Amino acid sequence: MGAVTLTQSTFQEQIDQGVTLVDFWAPWCGPCKIQIPIIEELSTELDQATIAKVNVDQEPELASKYEIMSIPTLLLFKDGELVDKMVGLQSKEVLKNKLNI
């Protein structure tokens, strides 16, 4: 399926139910270019969580709301509640372990 691209108008609806991992990224960010393929792999392997991404250049309001100071930053939501924040490049194994909550 691939990671879902979220915008200001779709963000809240997406995170409200179930488990959602959101990658805040930008096209010019070197570590983000390494993180995105990992995110895409997870999105095809995992059924129990939604994997999503937010381009901080296109959605500065969301980046500001969640106090994204450096990218990549990954936020983990469960039923609309922020349960984890990971700053910097994360391995596939770390993310899989975090998603088993």
N, C-alpha and C. Protein backbone atom coordinates (compact mmCIF):
# COMPACT_ATOMS: atom_id res chain seq x y z
N MET A 1 0.82 -1.20 0.00
CA MET A 1 0.00 0.00 0.00
C MET A 1 0.86 1.26 0.00
N GLY A 2 1.94 1.27 0.76
CA GLY A 2 2.78 2.45 0.85
C GLY A 2 2.33 3.37 1.97
N ALA A 3 3.23 4.21 2.38
CA ALA A 3 2.92 5.15 3.45
C ALA A 3 1.91 6.18 2.96
N VAL A 4 1.02 6.56 3.85
CA VAL A 4 -0.02 7.54 3.55
C VAL A 4 0.55 8.94 3.75
N THR A 5 0.36 9.82 2.78
CA THR A 5 0.79 11.20 2.92
C THR A 5 -0.31 11.99 3.61
N LEU A 6 0.03 12.61 4.73
CA LEU A 6 -0.95 13.36 5.51
C LEU A 6 -0.79 14.86 5.30
N THR A 7 -1.92 15.55 5.40
CA THR A 7 -1.95 17.00 5.32
C THR A 7 -2.68 17.54 6.55
N GLN A 8 -2.69 18.84 6.68
CA GLN A 8 -3.41 19.49 7.77
C GLN A 8 -4.86 19.00 7.84
N SER A 9 -5.49 18.81 6.69
CA SER A 9 -6.91 18.43 6.67
C SER A 9 -7.15 16.94 6.90
N THR A 10 -6.15 16.09 6.71
CA THR A 10 -6.36 14.65 6.89
C THR A 10 -5.69 14.08 8.13
N PHE A 11 -4.86 14.86 8.79
CA PHE A 11 -4.04 14.36 9.88
C PHE A 11 -4.86 13.82 11.05
N GLN A 12 -5.73 14.65 11.61
CA GLN A 12 -6.46 14.26 12.82
C GLN A 12 -7.33 13.03 12.59
N GLU A 13 -8.01 13.00 11.46
CA GLU A 13 -8.86 11.85 11.15
C GLU A 13 -8.04 10.56 11.09
N GLN A 14 -6.84 10.64 10.54
CA GLN A 14 -5.99 9.45 10.39
C GLN A 14 -5.50 8.94 11.74
N ILE A 15 -5.10 9.84 12.63
CA ILE A 15 -4.50 9.39 13.89
C ILE A 15 -5.53 9.03 14.96
N ASP A 16 -6.80 9.36 14.73
CA ASP A 16 -7.84 9.18 15.76
C ASP A 16 -8.08 7.72 16.15
N GLN A 17 -7.91 6.79 15.23
CA GLN A 17 -8.21 5.39 15.53
C GLN A 17 -7.03 4.49 15.23
N GLY A 18 -6.76 3.58 16.16
CA GLY A 18 -5.70 2.61 15.96
C GLY A 18 -4.32 3.22 16.18
N VAL A 19 -3.31 2.51 15.68
CA VAL A 19 -1.92 2.92 15.83
C VAL A 19 -1.43 3.53 14.52
N THR A 20 -0.84 4.72 14.63
CA THR A 20 -0.32 5.41 13.45
C THR A 20 1.09 5.91 13.74
N LEU A 21 2.02 5.56 12.86
CA LEU A 21 3.38 6.07 12.92
C LEU A 21 3.52 7.15 11.85
N VAL A 22 3.90 8.35 12.26
CA VAL A 22 4.00 9.47 11.32
C VAL A 22 5.45 9.95 11.23
N ASP A 23 5.99 9.95 10.02
CA ASP A 23 7.35 10.41 9.74
C ASP A 23 7.28 11.85 9.24
N PHE A 24 7.85 12.79 10.01
CA PHE A 24 7.97 14.18 9.57
C PHE A 24 9.31 14.31 8.85
N TRP A 25 9.28 14.73 7.59
CA TRP A 25 10.46 14.72 6.73
C TRP A 25 10.45 15.90 5.76
N ALA A 26 11.53 16.04 5.00
CA ALA A 26 11.61 17.03 3.92
C ALA A 26 12.50 16.46 2.82
N PRO A 27 12.23 16.83 1.57
CA PRO A 27 12.99 16.29 0.44
C PRO A 27 14.49 16.63 0.47
N TRP A 28 14.86 17.72 1.10
CA TRP A 28 16.26 18.17 1.14
C TRP A 28 17.06 17.56 2.29
N CYS A 29 16.42 16.79 3.14
CA CYS A 29 17.03 16.23 4.35
C CYS A 29 17.71 14.90 4.05
N GLY A 30 19.04 14.86 4.24
CA GLY A 30 19.80 13.64 3.97
C GLY A 30 19.33 12.42 4.75
N PRO A 31 19.26 12.51 6.10
CA PRO A 31 18.78 11.35 6.87
C PRO A 31 17.35 10.93 6.51
N CYS A 32 16.54 11.91 6.09
CA CYS A 32 15.16 11.59 5.69
C CYS A 32 15.15 10.68 4.46
N LYS A 33 16.11 10.89 3.56
CA LYS A 33 16.20 10.07 2.35
C LYS A 33 16.54 8.62 2.69
N ILE A 34 17.18 8.40 3.84
CA ILE A 34 17.47 7.05 4.30
C ILE A 34 16.25 6.49 5.04
N GLN A 35 15.53 7.35 5.79
CA GLN A 35 14.38 6.92 6.58
C GLN A 35 13.18 6.53 5.71
N ILE A 36 12.94 7.28 4.64
CA ILE A 36 11.74 7.05 3.81
C ILE A 36 11.64 5.61 3.29
N PRO A 37 12.71 5.00 2.74
CA PRO A 37 12.57 3.61 2.29
C PRO A 37 12.22 2.64 3.43
N ILE A 38 12.72 2.92 4.63
CA ILE A 38 12.40 2.08 5.79
C ILE A 38 10.91 2.22 6.11
N ILE A 39 10.42 3.45 6.07
CA ILE A 39 8.99 3.71 6.32
C ILE A 39 8.13 3.00 5.29
N GLU A 40 8.54 3.09 4.02
CA GLU A 40 7.78 2.44 2.95
C GLU A 40 7.76 0.91 3.13
N GLU A 41 8.91 0.33 3.52
CA GLU A 41 8.95 -1.12 3.77
C GLU A 41 8.00 -1.51 4.88
N LEU A 42 8.02 -0.76 5.97
CA LEU A 42 7.12 -1.05 7.09
C LEU A 42 5.66 -0.98 6.67
N SER A 43 5.34 -0.03 5.81
CA SER A 43 3.95 0.15 5.40
C SER A 43 3.44 -1.05 4.61
N THR A 44 4.33 -1.76 3.94
CA THR A 44 3.89 -2.95 3.19
C THR A 44 3.92 -4.21 4.03
N GLU A 45 4.68 -4.18 5.14
CA GLU A 45 4.82 -5.38 5.98
C GLU A 45 3.84 -5.44 7.14
N LEU A 46 3.39 -4.29 7.61
CA LEU A 46 2.58 -4.27 8.83
C LEU A 46 1.12 -3.98 8.53
N ASP A 47 0.25 -4.81 9.06
CA ASP A 47 -1.19 -4.61 8.90
C ASP A 47 -1.82 -3.94 10.12
N GLN A 48 -1.17 -4.08 11.28
CA GLN A 48 -1.78 -3.62 12.53
C GLN A 48 -1.59 -2.12 12.78
N ALA A 49 -0.83 -1.44 11.93
CA ALA A 49 -0.60 -0.01 12.12
C ALA A 49 -0.63 0.71 10.78
N THR A 50 -0.98 1.98 10.84
CA THR A 50 -0.91 2.83 9.65
C THR A 50 0.42 3.55 9.67
N ILE A 51 1.11 3.55 8.56
CA ILE A 51 2.38 4.25 8.42
C ILE A 51 2.12 5.47 7.53
N ALA A 52 2.51 6.63 8.04
CA ALA A 52 2.20 7.87 7.33
C ALA A 52 3.41 8.79 7.34
N LYS A 53 3.34 9.81 6.48
CA LYS A 53 4.43 10.79 6.43
C LYS A 53 3.86 12.19 6.20
N VAL A 54 4.61 13.17 6.70
CA VAL A 54 4.24 14.57 6.56
C VAL A 54 5.47 15.33 6.07
N ASN A 55 5.33 16.00 4.94
CA ASN A 55 6.39 16.85 4.40
C ASN A 55 6.34 18.18 5.15
N VAL A 56 7.35 18.46 5.96
CA VAL A 56 7.32 19.66 6.80
C VAL A 56 7.36 20.96 5.99
N ASP A 57 7.89 20.91 4.78
CA ASP A 57 7.90 22.10 3.92
C ASP A 57 6.49 22.43 3.43
N GLN A 58 5.69 21.41 3.20
CA GLN A 58 4.33 21.61 2.70
C GLN A 58 3.32 21.77 3.83
N GLU A 59 3.66 21.28 5.03
CA GLU A 59 2.73 21.33 6.16
C GLU A 59 3.40 21.94 7.40
N PRO A 60 3.82 23.21 7.31
CA PRO A 60 4.52 23.83 8.45
C PRO A 60 3.65 23.94 9.70
N GLU A 61 2.33 24.02 9.54
CA GLU A 61 1.45 24.13 10.71
C GLU A 61 1.51 22.85 11.54
N LEU A 62 1.53 21.70 10.88
CA LEU A 62 1.62 20.43 11.60
C LEU A 62 2.97 20.29 12.29
N ALA A 63 4.03 20.68 11.60
CA ALA A 63 5.36 20.60 12.19
C ALA A 63 5.43 21.49 13.43
N SER A 64 4.84 22.64 13.35
CA SER A 64 4.84 23.56 14.49
C SER A 64 3.99 23.01 15.63
N LYS A 65 2.82 22.50 15.32
CA LYS A 65 1.91 21.96 16.34
C LYS A 65 2.58 20.87 17.17
N TYR A 66 3.35 20.01 16.50
CA TYR A 66 3.99 18.89 17.20
C TYR A 66 5.46 19.18 17.55
N GLU A 67 5.83 20.47 17.48
CA GLU A 67 7.14 20.94 17.90
C GLU A 67 8.28 20.15 17.26
N ILE A 68 8.18 19.99 15.93
CA ILE A 68 9.22 19.29 15.18
C ILE A 68 10.36 20.27 14.97
N MET A 69 11.47 20.03 15.65
CA MET A 69 12.63 20.92 15.57
C MET A 69 13.72 20.39 14.65
N SER A 70 13.78 19.07 14.50
CA SER A 70 14.75 18.47 13.58
C SER A 70 14.09 17.27 12.92
N ILE A 71 14.57 16.96 11.74
CA ILE A 71 13.97 15.86 10.98
C ILE A 71 15.06 14.88 10.57
N PRO A 72 14.71 13.62 10.39
CA PRO A 72 13.37 13.08 10.57
C PRO A 72 12.98 12.98 12.06
N THR A 73 11.71 13.23 12.31
CA THR A 73 11.11 12.96 13.61
C THR A 73 9.91 12.06 13.35
N LEU A 74 9.82 10.99 14.13
CA LEU A 74 8.71 10.06 13.99
C LEU A 74 7.86 10.11 15.24
N LEU A 75 6.55 10.29 15.04
CA LEU A 75 5.61 10.32 16.15
C LEU A 75 4.73 9.09 16.08
N LEU A 76 4.50 8.49 17.23
CA LEU A 76 3.65 7.31 17.32
C LEU A 76 2.39 7.67 18.09
N PHE A 77 1.24 7.48 17.42
CA PHE A 77 -0.05 7.78 18.02
C PHE A 77 -0.84 6.50 18.23
N LYS A 78 -1.58 6.45 19.33
CA LYS A 78 -2.50 5.35 19.57
C LYS A 78 -3.85 5.96 19.92
N ASP A 79 -4.82 5.71 19.06
CA ASP A 79 -6.18 6.26 19.22
C ASP A 79 -6.16 7.77 19.47
N GLY A 80 -5.35 8.48 18.68
CA GLY A 80 -5.31 9.93 18.73
C GLY A 80 -4.37 10.51 19.77
N GLU A 81 -3.80 9.68 20.62
CA GLU A 81 -2.90 10.17 21.67
C GLU A 81 -1.45 9.90 21.30
N LEU A 82 -0.62 10.93 21.45
CA LEU A 82 0.81 10.79 21.18
C LEU A 82 1.44 9.93 22.28
N VAL A 83 2.03 8.79 21.89
CA VAL A 83 2.62 7.88 22.88
C VAL A 83 4.14 7.79 22.78
N ASP A 84 4.72 8.26 21.68
CA ASP A 84 6.18 8.21 21.56
C ASP A 84 6.65 9.21 20.51
N LYS A 85 7.85 9.76 20.75
CA LYS A 85 8.47 10.70 19.80
C LYS A 85 9.92 10.27 19.63
N MET A 86 10.31 10.02 18.39
CA MET A 86 11.67 9.58 18.09
C MET A 86 12.30 10.59 17.13
N VAL A 87 13.41 11.18 17.56
CA VAL A 87 14.10 12.19 16.75
C VAL A 87 15.33 11.55 16.13
N GLY A 88 15.49 11.76 14.82
CA GLY A 88 16.64 11.22 14.12
C GLY A 88 16.30 9.91 13.41
N LEU A 89 17.26 9.44 12.66
CA LEU A 89 17.10 8.22 11.87
C LEU A 89 16.84 7.02 12.78
N GLN A 90 15.81 6.24 12.46
CA GLN A 90 15.44 5.07 13.25
C GLN A 90 15.53 3.82 12.38
N SER A 91 16.06 2.75 12.95
CA SER A 91 16.16 1.49 12.20
C SER A 91 14.80 0.82 12.10
N LYS A 92 14.69 -0.05 11.13
CA LYS A 92 13.45 -0.81 10.94
C LYS A 92 13.12 -1.63 12.18
N GLU A 93 14.14 -2.22 12.80
CA GLU A 93 13.92 -3.05 13.98
C GLU A 93 13.38 -2.23 15.14
N VAL A 94 13.96 -1.05 15.36
CA VAL A 94 13.49 -0.17 16.44
C VAL A 94 12.02 0.19 16.21
N LEU A 95 11.69 0.56 14.98
CA LEU A 95 10.32 0.96 14.68
C LEU A 95 9.35 -0.21 14.84
N LYS A 96 9.74 -1.40 14.40
CA LYS A 96 8.87 -2.57 14.57
C LYS A 96 8.62 -2.83 16.05
N ASN A 97 9.65 -2.71 16.88
CA ASN A 97 9.49 -2.92 18.32
C ASN A 97 8.56 -1.87 18.93
N LYS A 98 8.70 -0.62 18.51
CA LYS A 98 7.83 0.45 19.02
C LYS A 98 6.38 0.22 18.61
N LEU A 99 6.17 -0.35 17.43
CA LEU A 99 4.81 -0.56 16.94
C LEU A 99 4.12 -1.74 17.62
N ASN A 100 4.84 -2.54 18.35
CA ASN A 100 4.23 -3.67 19.06
C ASN A 100 3.77 -3.28 20.45
N ILE A 101 3.12 -2.10 20.56
CA ILE A 101 2.63 -1.66 21.86
C ILE A 101 1.17 -1.99 22.02
